[in-house]
Amino acid sequence: MKTALTIAGTDPSGGAGIQADIKTMTANGVFATCAVTALVAQNTTGVKDIVECTPEFLAEELDCVFTDIFPDAVKTGMVSSIPLIETIAAKLKEYGAKNLVVDPVMVATSGDRLISEDAVSALKELLLPLATVLTPNIPEAEILSGMTITDTAGMEAAARAISERYGCAVLCKGGHQVNDADDLLWRNGSGKWFRGKRIHNPNTHGTGCTLSSAIASNLAKGFDLDTSVERAKAYISGALGAMLDLGRGSGPMDHMFDLKSVYCEGRPD
């Protein structure tokens, strides 16, 4: 069985972070391992508190995974401080990690900031150049490129700039009033659009975590990047289209939408 590692923070409500990553990887047919960067007290209404893991303990977590169940792909999510970024980058280099998907998590769906200002510079310098692909949303792409994005041309310019600056592929995610659900993959000097139809579901907690984890899962299974993005977009559309409605804020998606025939069998509606 192929394996994937998620390096990220937690979400007690189960819709984002490591919990969403593990569900997504499992639903996409790979064995999920994890290394926790922070304990995050959050739910669908917002982030209440963050307690970071120590760099030393994070290093031990990563050693435990890489020396025992070596991942076929790695996804990074919320990494909120310089020492943690330094630790992750060092360990990824030490073990020669492959198929690295970096979700440059900076702001939660609720609007709460999840990374310190000084850590953004460390993220750019140490982690982004190691990536196979980055998956920024529009606000994150603006931060990484230093540009304002208001239309598809702006997405192309920002994706190009980020890709050239960090030497990796960039999947610039649409939405945020720029387009419906069209994502742009930029690499090797050219771009490819992945068209999607916006699903009118207000419950979008954890969509970024889920998409990046689905891409990593498909890379782990040996699919090329284009196919991995296509499959990941189809998966997230299914999870959103299931129209799960939980929580008092922007609720989670149904990560296991395709397993309903299994876990609902023999149960009353």
C-alpha atoms as a PDB file:
ATOM      1  CA  MET A   1       0.000   0.000   0.000  1.00  0.00           C
ATOM      2  CA  LYS A   2       1.252   3.479  -0.829  1.00  0.00           C
ATOM      3  CA  THR A   3       1.781   5.904   2.044  1.00  0.00           C
ATOM      4  CA  ALA A   4       1.528   9.644   2.610  1.00  0.00           C
ATOM      5  CA  LEU A   5       2.671  11.845   5.476  1.00  0.00           C
ATOM      6  CA  THR A   6       0.897  14.978   6.659  1.00  0.00           C
ATOM      7  CA  ILE A   7       2.807  17.556   8.709  1.00  0.00           C
ATOM      8  CA  ALA A   8       0.275  19.983  10.119  1.00  0.00           C
ATOM      9  CA  GLY A   9      -1.738  21.236  13.078  1.00  0.00           C
ATOM     10  CA  THR A  10      -4.835  19.669  14.582  1.00  0.00           C
ATOM     11  CA  ASP A  11      -8.524  20.503  14.386  1.00  0.00           C
ATOM     12  CA  PRO A  12     -10.670  19.134  17.233  1.00  0.00           C
ATOM     13  CA  SER A  13     -13.811  19.634  15.138  1.00  0.00           C
ATOM     14  CA  GLY A  14     -12.403  17.248  12.520  1.00  0.00           C
ATOM     15  CA  GLY A  15     -12.935  19.339   9.405  1.00  0.00           C
ATOM     16  CA  ALA A  16      -9.457  20.707   8.750  1.00  0.00           C
ATOM     17  CA  GLY A  17      -5.832  20.129   9.705  1.00  0.00           C
ATOM     18  CA  ILE A  18      -4.411  16.712  10.353  1.00  0.00           C
ATOM     19  CA  GLN A  19      -7.821  15.173  10.962  1.00  0.00           C
ATOM     20  CA  ALA A  20      -9.009  16.235   7.500  1.00  0.00           C
ATOM     21  CA  ASP A  21      -5.704  15.157   5.955  1.00  0.00           C
ATOM     22  CA  ILE A  22      -5.928  11.651   7.385  1.00  0.00           C
ATOM     23  CA  LYS A  23      -9.554  11.262   6.270  1.00  0.00           C
ATOM     24  CA  THR A  24      -8.688  12.502   2.799  1.00  0.00           C
ATOM     25  CA  MET A  25      -5.651  10.267   2.408  1.00  0.00           C
ATOM     26  CA  THR A  26      -7.637   7.255   3.595  1.00  0.00           C
ATOM     27  CA  ALA A  27     -10.520   8.016   1.233  1.00  0.00           C
ATOM     28  CA  ASN A  28      -8.027   8.364  -1.613  1.00  0.00           C
ATOM     29  CA  GLY A  29      -6.554   4.945  -1.018  1.00  0.00           C
ATOM     30  CA  VAL A  30      -3.243   5.529   0.752  1.00  0.00           C
ATOM     31  CA  PHE A  31      -2.038   4.813   4.278  1.00  0.00           C
ATOM     32  CA  ALA A  32      -1.813   8.074   6.236  1.00  0.00           C
ATOM     33  CA  THR A  33       0.919   8.935   8.728  1.00  0.00           C
ATOM     34  CA  CYS A  34       1.274  12.267  10.505  1.00  0.00           C
ATOM     35  CA  ALA A  35       3.513  14.618  12.452  1.00  0.00           C
ATOM     36  CA  VAL A  36       1.762  17.241  14.576  1.00  0.00           C
ATOM     37  CA  THR A  37       3.154  20.780  14.447  1.00  0.00           C
ATOM     38  CA  ALA A  38       0.649  22.356  16.836  1.00  0.00           C
ATOM     39  CA  LEU A  39      -2.411  21.654  18.925  1.00  0.00           C
ATOM     40  CA  VAL A  40      -5.037  24.061  17.655  1.00  0.00           C
ATOM     41  CA  ALA A  41      -8.175  24.746  19.679  1.00  0.00           C
ATOM     42  CA  GLN A  42     -10.599  25.513  16.862  1.00  0.00           C
ATOM     43  CA  ASN A  43     -13.991  24.639  15.492  1.00  0.00           C
ATOM     44  CA  THR A  44     -16.219  25.803  12.655  1.00  0.00           C
ATOM     45  CA  THR A  45     -16.555  29.268  14.202  1.00  0.00           C
ATOM     46  CA  GLY A  46     -12.874  30.095  14.607  1.00  0.00           C
ATOM     47  CA  VAL A  47      -9.532  29.514  16.298  1.00  0.00           C
ATOM     48  CA  LYS A  48      -9.430  29.847  20.082  1.00  0.00           C
ATOM     49  CA  ASP A  49      -5.806  29.030  20.898  1.00  0.00           C
ATOM     50  CA  ILE A  50      -2.635  27.426  19.512  1.00  0.00           C
ATOM     51  CA  VAL A  51      -0.011  25.451  21.426  1.00  0.00           C
ATOM     52  CA  GLU A  52       3.024  24.710  19.286  1.00  0.00           C
ATOM     53  CA  CYS A  53       4.965  21.478  19.353  1.00  0.00           C
ATOM     54  CA  THR A  54       8.630  21.934  20.273  1.00  0.00           C
ATOM     55  CA  PRO A  55      11.085  21.654  17.367  1.00  0.00           C
ATOM     56  CA  GLU A  56      12.836  18.784  19.169  1.00  0.00           C
ATOM     57  CA  PHE A  57       9.647  16.756  19.485  1.00  0.00           C
ATOM     58  CA  LEU A  58       8.611  17.486  15.907  1.00  0.00           C
ATOM     59  CA  ALA A  59      12.007  16.206  14.775  1.00  0.00           C
ATOM     60  CA  GLU A  60      11.430  12.993  16.723  1.00  0.00           C
ATOM     61  CA  GLU A  61       7.995  12.578  15.142  1.00  0.00           C
ATOM     62  CA  LEU A  62       9.486  12.929  11.678  1.00  0.00           C
ATOM     63  CA  ASP A  63      12.333  10.543  12.489  1.00  0.00           C
ATOM     64  CA  CYS A  64       9.786   7.960  13.635  1.00  0.00           C
ATOM     65  CA  VAL A  65       7.889   8.132  10.355  1.00  0.00           C
ATOM     66  CA  PHE A  66      10.801   8.336   7.925  1.00  0.00           C
ATOM     67  CA  THR A  67      12.803   5.530   9.544  1.00  0.00           C
ATOM     68  CA  ASP A  68       9.863   3.135   9.692  1.00  0.00           C
ATOM     69  CA  ILE A  69       7.092   3.855   7.169  1.00  0.00           C
ATOM     70  CA  PHE A  70       8.799   5.984   4.526  1.00  0.00           C
ATOM     71  CA  PRO A  71       6.145   8.133   2.807  1.00  0.00           C
ATOM     72  CA  ASP A  72       5.589   8.058  -0.937  1.00  0.00           C
ATOM     73  CA  ALA A  73       4.404  11.673  -0.689  1.00  0.00           C
ATOM     74  CA  VAL A  74       4.432  14.416   1.939  1.00  0.00           C
ATOM     75  CA  LYS A  75       1.985  17.234   2.532  1.00  0.00           C
ATOM     76  CA  THR A  76       2.713  20.190   4.803  1.00  0.00           C
ATOM     77  CA  GLY A  77       0.008  22.399   6.240  1.00  0.00           C
ATOM     78  CA  MET A  78       0.017  24.803   9.154  1.00  0.00           C
ATOM     79  CA  VAL A  79       3.543  25.583  10.344  1.00  0.00           C
ATOM     80  CA  SER A  80       3.387  28.684  12.467  1.00  0.00           C
ATOM     81  CA  SER A  81       6.963  29.536  13.525  1.00  0.00           C
ATOM     82  CA  ILE A  82      10.536  29.700  12.253  1.00  0.00           C
ATOM     83  CA  PRO A  83      11.991  26.866  14.413  1.00  0.00           C
ATOM     84  CA  LEU A  84       9.316  24.446  13.181  1.00  0.00           C
ATOM     85  CA  ILE A  85       9.884  25.419   9.559  1.00  0.00           C
ATOM     86  CA  GLU A  86      13.632  24.962  10.019  1.00  0.00           C
ATOM     87  CA  THR A  87      13.085  21.522  11.548  1.00  0.00           C
ATOM     88  CA  ILE A  88      10.770  20.351   8.764  1.00  0.00           C
ATOM     89  CA  ALA A  89      13.049  21.594   5.992  1.00  0.00           C
ATOM     90  CA  ALA A  90      16.079  19.940   7.570  1.00  0.00           C
ATOM     91  CA  LYS A  91      14.329  16.597   7.990  1.00  0.00           C
ATOM     92  CA  LEU A  92      12.874  16.618   4.478  1.00  0.00           C
ATOM     93  CA  LYS A  93      16.374  17.177   3.117  1.00  0.00           C
ATOM     94  CA  GLU A  94      17.939  14.601   5.442  1.00  0.00           C
ATOM     95  CA  TYR A  95      15.586  11.846   4.322  1.00  0.00           C
ATOM     96  CA  GLY A  96      15.261  12.878   0.682  1.00  0.00           C
ATOM     97  CA  ALA A  97      11.505  13.256   0.866  1.00  0.00           C
ATOM     98  CA  LYS A  98       9.708  13.095  -2.478  1.00  0.00           C
ATOM     99  CA  ASN A  99       6.421  14.366  -3.875  1.00  0.00           C
ATOM    100  CA  LEU A 100       6.189  17.303  -1.468  1.00  0.00           C
ATOM    101  CA  VAL A 101       2.929  19.246  -1.566  1.00  0.00           C
ATOM    102  CA  VAL A 102       3.129  22.505   0.372  1.00  0.00           C
ATOM    103  CA  ASP A 103      -0.137  24.117   1.380  1.00  0.00           C
ATOM    104  CA  PRO A 104       1.121  27.537   2.549  1.00  0.00           C
ATOM    105  CA  VAL A 105      -1.501  27.908   5.272  1.00  0.00           C
ATOM    106  CA  MET A 106      -1.570  31.472   6.513  1.00  0.00           C
ATOM    107  CA  VAL A 107      -5.201  32.269   7.333  1.00  0.00           C
ATOM    108  CA  ALA A 108      -8.025  29.957   8.412  1.00  0.00           C
ATOM    109  CA  THR A 109     -11.399  29.900   6.645  1.00  0.00           C
ATOM    110  CA  SER A 110     -12.733  31.825   9.641  1.00  0.00           C
ATOM    111  CA  GLY A 111     -10.225  34.620   8.982  1.00  0.00           C
ATOM    112  CA  ASP A 112      -7.926  33.809  11.903  1.00  0.00           C
ATOM    113  CA  ARG A 113      -4.209  34.160  11.133  1.00  0.00           C
ATOM    114  CA  LEU A 114      -2.287  30.899  11.593  1.00  0.00           C
ATOM    115  CA  ILE A 115       1.321  31.943  10.962  1.00  0.00           C
ATOM    116  CA  SER A 116       3.485  34.706  12.392  1.00  0.00           C
ATOM    117  CA  GLU A 117       4.752  37.458  10.110  1.00  0.00           C
ATOM    118  CA  ASP A 118       8.412  36.519  10.548  1.00  0.00           C
ATOM    119  CA  ALA A 119       7.661  32.870   9.806  1.00  0.00           C
ATOM    120  CA  VAL A 120       6.433  33.777   6.321  1.00  0.00           C
ATOM    121  CA  SER A 121       9.989  34.711   5.331  1.00  0.00           C
ATOM    122  CA  ALA A 122      11.333  31.403   6.657  1.00  0.00           C
ATOM    123  CA  LEU A 123       8.612  29.526   4.797  1.00  0.00           C
ATOM    124  CA  LYS A 124       9.641  31.233   1.554  1.00  0.00           C
ATOM    125  CA  GLU A 125      13.357  30.681   2.081  1.00  0.00           C
ATOM    126  CA  LEU A 126      13.469  27.146   3.461  1.00  0.00           C
ATOM    127  CA  LEU A 127      10.352  25.165   2.605  1.00  0.00           C
ATOM    128  CA  LEU A 128       8.919  26.439  -0.672  1.00  0.00           C
ATOM    129  CA  PRO A 129      12.051  25.637  -2.731  1.00  0.00           C
ATOM    130  CA  LEU A 130      11.737  21.978  -1.681  1.00  0.00           C
ATOM    131  CA  ALA A 131       8.179  21.637  -2.960  1.00  0.00           C
ATOM    132  CA  THR A 132       6.952  19.647  -5.902  1.00  0.00           C
ATOM    133  CA  VAL A 133       3.883  21.862  -5.953  1.00  0.00           C
ATOM    134  CA  LEU A 134       2.497  24.746  -3.872  1.00  0.00           C
ATOM    135  CA  THR A 135      -1.257  25.141  -3.422  1.00  0.00           C
ATOM    136  CA  PRO A 136      -1.953  28.763  -2.422  1.00  0.00           C
ATOM    137  CA  ASN A 137      -5.405  30.325  -2.457  1.00  0.00           C
ATOM    138  CA  ILE A 138      -5.787  33.865  -3.787  1.00  0.00           C
ATOM    139  CA  PRO A 139      -4.823  35.709  -0.546  1.00  0.00           C
ATOM    140  CA  GLU A 140      -1.824  33.414  -0.054  1.00  0.00           C
ATOM    141  CA  ALA A 141      -0.740  33.843  -3.674  1.00  0.00           C
ATOM    142  CA  GLU A 142      -0.894  37.605  -3.180  1.00  0.00           C
ATOM    143  CA  ILE A 143       1.422  37.337  -0.170  1.00  0.00           C
ATOM    144  CA  LEU A 144       3.858  35.018  -1.928  1.00  0.00           C
ATOM    145  CA  SER A 145       3.966  37.035  -5.159  1.00  0.00           C
ATOM    146  CA  GLY A 146       3.612  40.544  -3.746  1.00  0.00           C
ATOM    147  CA  MET A 147       0.834  41.166  -6.292  1.00  0.00           C
ATOM    148  CA  THR A 148      -2.844  42.045  -6.100  1.00  0.00           C
ATOM    149  CA  ILE A 149      -5.049  39.467  -7.827  1.00  0.00           C
ATOM    150  CA  THR A 150      -8.441  40.568  -9.135  1.00  0.00           C
ATOM    151  CA  ASP A 151      -8.886  38.433 -12.253  1.00  0.00           C
ATOM    152  CA  THR A 152      -7.559  35.410 -14.132  1.00  0.00           C
ATOM    153  CA  ALA A 153      -4.744  37.428 -15.681  1.00  0.00           C
ATOM    154  CA  GLY A 154      -3.638  38.328 -12.180  1.00  0.00           C
ATOM    155  CA  MET A 155      -3.703  34.654 -11.203  1.00  0.00           C
ATOM    156  CA  GLU A 156      -1.467  33.822 -14.159  1.00  0.00           C
ATOM    157  CA  ALA A 157       1.005  36.602 -13.374  1.00  0.00           C
ATOM    158  CA  ALA A 158       1.197  35.633  -9.692  1.00  0.00           C
ATOM    159  CA  ALA A 159       1.515  31.901 -10.377  1.00  0.00           C
ATOM    160  CA  ARG A 160       4.271  32.560 -12.891  1.00  0.00           C
ATOM    161  CA  ALA A 161       6.157  34.790 -10.463  1.00  0.00           C
ATOM    162  CA  ILE A 162       5.879  32.304  -7.591  1.00  0.00           C
ATOM    163  CA  SER A 163       6.927  29.355  -9.762  1.00  0.00           C
ATOM    164  CA  GLU A 164       9.962  31.190 -11.111  1.00  0.00           C
ATOM    165  CA  ARG A 165      10.948  32.472  -7.690  1.00  0.00           C
ATOM    166  CA  TYR A 166      10.843  29.126  -5.901  1.00  0.00           C
ATOM    167  CA  GLY A 167      11.515  26.709  -8.757  1.00  0.00           C
ATOM    168  CA  CYS A 168       8.424  24.565  -8.315  1.00  0.00           C
ATOM    169  CA  ALA A 169       4.961  24.045  -9.734  1.00  0.00           C
ATOM    170  CA  VAL A 170       2.185  26.274  -8.366  1.00  0.00           C
ATOM    171  CA  LEU A 171      -1.511  25.432  -8.233  1.00  0.00           C
ATOM    172  CA  CYS A 172      -3.188  28.806  -7.727  1.00  0.00           C
ATOM    173  CA  LYS A 173      -6.678  28.075  -6.455  1.00  0.00           C
ATOM    174  CA  GLY A 174      -9.583  30.111  -7.775  1.00  0.00           C
ATOM    175  CA  GLY A 175     -12.581  31.501  -5.954  1.00  0.00           C
ATOM    176  CA  HIS A 176     -12.392  34.603  -3.751  1.00  0.00           C
ATOM    177  CA  GLN A 177     -14.553  36.488  -6.302  1.00  0.00           C
ATOM    178  CA  VAL A 178     -11.992  35.868  -9.094  1.00  0.00           C
ATOM    179  CA  ASN A 179     -13.756  32.920 -10.737  1.00  0.00           C
ATOM    180  CA  ASP A 180     -16.091  30.075  -9.894  1.00  0.00           C
ATOM    181  CA  ALA A 181     -13.819  27.139  -9.115  1.00  0.00           C
ATOM    182  CA  ASP A 182     -11.095  27.261 -11.745  1.00  0.00           C
ATOM    183  CA  ASP A 183      -7.559  26.492 -10.605  1.00  0.00           C
ATOM    184  CA  LEU A 184      -4.363  27.317 -12.485  1.00  0.00           C
ATOM    185  CA  LEU A 185      -1.360  25.002 -12.505  1.00  0.00           C
ATOM    186  CA  TRP A 186       1.827  26.821 -13.522  1.00  0.00           C
ATOM    187  CA  ARG A 187       5.116  25.019 -14.107  1.00  0.00           C
ATOM    188  CA  ASN A 188       8.080  25.099 -16.455  1.00  0.00           C
ATOM    189  CA  GLY A 189       7.028  28.446 -17.877  1.00  0.00           C
ATOM    190  CA  SER A 190       3.464  27.606 -18.877  1.00  0.00           C
ATOM    191  CA  GLY A 191       0.054  27.311 -17.285  1.00  0.00           C
ATOM    192  CA  LYS A 192      -2.861  24.900 -17.478  1.00  0.00           C
ATOM    193  CA  TRP A 193      -6.378  25.672 -16.266  1.00  0.00           C
ATOM    194  CA  PHE A 194      -8.409  23.068 -14.406  1.00  0.00           C
ATOM    195  CA  ARG A 195     -12.020  24.105 -14.789  1.00  0.00           C
ATOM    196  CA  GLY A 196     -14.570  23.494 -12.079  1.00  0.00           C
ATOM    197  CA  LYS A 197     -18.140  24.432 -11.254  1.00  0.00           C
ATOM    198  CA  ARG A 198     -18.774  26.222  -7.986  1.00  0.00           C
ATOM    199  CA  ILE A 199     -20.833  24.114  -5.617  1.00  0.00           C
ATOM    200  CA  HIS A 200     -23.143  26.327  -3.606  1.00  0.00           C
ATOM    201  CA  ASN A 201     -22.276  24.900  -0.205  1.00  0.00           C
ATOM    202  CA  PRO A 202     -21.479  27.380   2.586  1.00  0.00           C
ATOM    203  CA  ASN A 203     -19.633  24.667   4.507  1.00  0.00           C
ATOM    204  CA  THR A 204     -16.063  24.932   3.220  1.00  0.00           C
ATOM    205  CA  HIS A 205     -14.055  24.391   6.418  1.00  0.00           C
ATOM    206  CA  GLY A 206     -10.851  22.578   5.481  1.00  0.00           C
ATOM    207  CA  THR A 207     -11.085  22.754   1.694  1.00  0.00           C
ATOM    208  CA  GLY A 208      -7.430  23.781   1.338  1.00  0.00           C
ATOM    209  CA  CYS A 209      -6.192  20.986   3.580  1.00  0.00           C
ATOM    210  CA  THR A 210      -8.347  18.498   1.746  1.00  0.00           C
ATOM    211  CA  LEU A 211      -7.281  19.469  -1.769  1.00  0.00           C
ATOM    212  CA  SER A 212      -3.559  19.406  -0.970  1.00  0.00           C
ATOM    213  CA  SER A 213      -3.880  16.054   0.811  1.00  0.00           C
ATOM    214  CA  ALA A 214      -5.771  14.581  -2.126  1.00  0.00           C
ATOM    215  CA  ILE A 215      -3.053  15.760  -4.518  1.00  0.00           C
ATOM    216  CA  ALA A 216      -0.376  14.218  -2.288  1.00  0.00           C
ATOM    217  CA  SER A 217      -2.329  10.959  -2.118  1.00  0.00           C
ATOM    218  CA  ASN A 218      -2.510  10.679  -5.883  1.00  0.00           C
ATOM    219  CA  LEU A 219       1.155  11.581  -6.318  1.00  0.00           C
ATOM    220  CA  ALA A 220       1.932   8.824  -3.812  1.00  0.00           C
ATOM    221  CA  LYS A 221       0.013   6.368  -5.979  1.00  0.00           C
ATOM    222  CA  GLY A 222       2.175   7.242  -8.974  1.00  0.00           C
ATOM    223  CA  PHE A 223      -0.098   9.587 -10.914  1.00  0.00           C
ATOM    224  CA  ASP A 224       1.545  12.544 -12.620  1.00  0.00           C
ATOM    225  CA  LEU A 225       0.863  16.051 -11.322  1.00  0.00           C
ATOM    226  CA  ASP A 226      -1.834  16.935 -13.870  1.00  0.00           C
ATOM    227  CA  THR A 227      -3.761  13.743 -13.170  1.00  0.00           C
ATOM    228  CA  SER A 228      -3.301  14.153  -9.418  1.00  0.00           C
ATOM    229  CA  VAL A 229      -4.815  17.631  -9.565  1.00  0.00           C
ATOM    230  CA  GLU A 230      -7.730  16.412 -11.698  1.00  0.00           C
ATOM    231  CA  ARG A 231      -8.463  13.548  -9.326  1.00  0.00           C
ATOM    232  CA  ALA A 232      -8.134  15.795  -6.275  1.00  0.00           C
ATOM    233  CA  LYS A 233     -10.575  18.334  -7.725  1.00  0.00           C
ATOM    234  CA  ALA A 234     -13.075  15.569  -8.461  1.00  0.00           C
ATOM    235  CA  TYR A 235     -12.743  14.284  -4.901  1.00  0.00           C
ATOM    236  CA  ILE A 236     -13.265  17.671  -3.274  1.00  0.00           C
ATOM    237  CA  SER A 237     -16.272  18.325  -5.521  1.00  0.00           C
ATOM    238  CA  GLY A 238     -17.799  15.095  -4.277  1.00  0.00           C
ATOM    239  CA  ALA A 239     -17.067  15.959  -0.649  1.00  0.00           C
ATOM    240  CA  LEU A 240     -18.654  19.403  -1.047  1.00  0.00           C
ATOM    241  CA  GLY A 241     -21.536  18.080  -3.125  1.00  0.00           C
ATOM    242  CA  ALA A 242     -22.563  15.716  -0.339  1.00  0.00           C
ATOM    243  CA  MET A 243     -23.841  18.866   1.413  1.00  0.00           C
ATOM    244  CA  LEU A 244     -22.904  17.873   4.947  1.00  0.00           C
ATOM    245  CA  ASP A 245     -24.186  20.467   7.409  1.00  0.00           C
ATOM    246  CA  LEU A 246     -22.517  20.373  10.830  1.00  0.00           C
ATOM    247  CA  GLY A 247     -21.467  23.084  13.256  1.00  0.00           C
ATOM    248  CA  ARG A 248     -22.495  26.679  13.853  1.00  0.00           C
ATOM    249  CA  GLY A 249     -19.996  28.244  11.449  1.00  0.00           C
ATOM    250  CA  SER A 250     -18.502  27.256   8.096  1.00  0.00           C
ATOM    251  CA  GLY A 251     -18.841  23.533   8.565  1.00  0.00           C
ATOM    252  CA  PRO A 252     -16.756  20.589   7.356  1.00  0.00           C
ATOM    253  CA  MET A 253     -17.157  18.602   4.163  1.00  0.00           C
ATOM    254  CA  ASP A 254     -18.097  14.941   4.015  1.00  0.00           C
ATOM    255  CA  HIS A 255     -14.663  13.435   3.436  1.00  0.00           C
ATOM    256  CA  MET A 256     -16.088   9.934   3.412  1.00  0.00           C
ATOM    257  CA  PHE A 257     -18.957  10.690   1.018  1.00  0.00           C
ATOM    258  CA  ASP A 258     -18.080   7.723  -1.154  1.00  0.00           C
ATOM    259  CA  LEU A 259     -18.294   5.285   1.771  1.00  0.00           C
ATOM    260  CA  LYS A 260     -21.905   5.977   2.690  1.00  0.00           C
ATOM    261  CA  SER A 261     -23.025   2.731   1.111  1.00  0.00           C
ATOM    262  CA  VAL A 262     -20.716   0.970   3.559  1.00  0.00           C
ATOM    263  CA  TYR A 263     -21.185   2.783   6.848  1.00  0.00           C
ATOM    264  CA  CYS A 264     -24.945   3.340   6.410  1.00  0.00           C
ATOM    265  CA  GLU A 265     -25.742  -0.216   5.398  1.00  0.00           C
ATOM    266  CA  GLY A 266     -28.349  -1.755   7.638  1.00  0.00           C
ATOM    267  CA  ARG A 267     -29.004   1.478   9.506  1.00  0.00           C
ATOM    268  CA  PRO A 268     -32.257   3.407   9.568  1.00  0.00           C
ATOM    269  CA  ASP A 269     -32.327   6.751   7.704  1.00  0.00           C
END
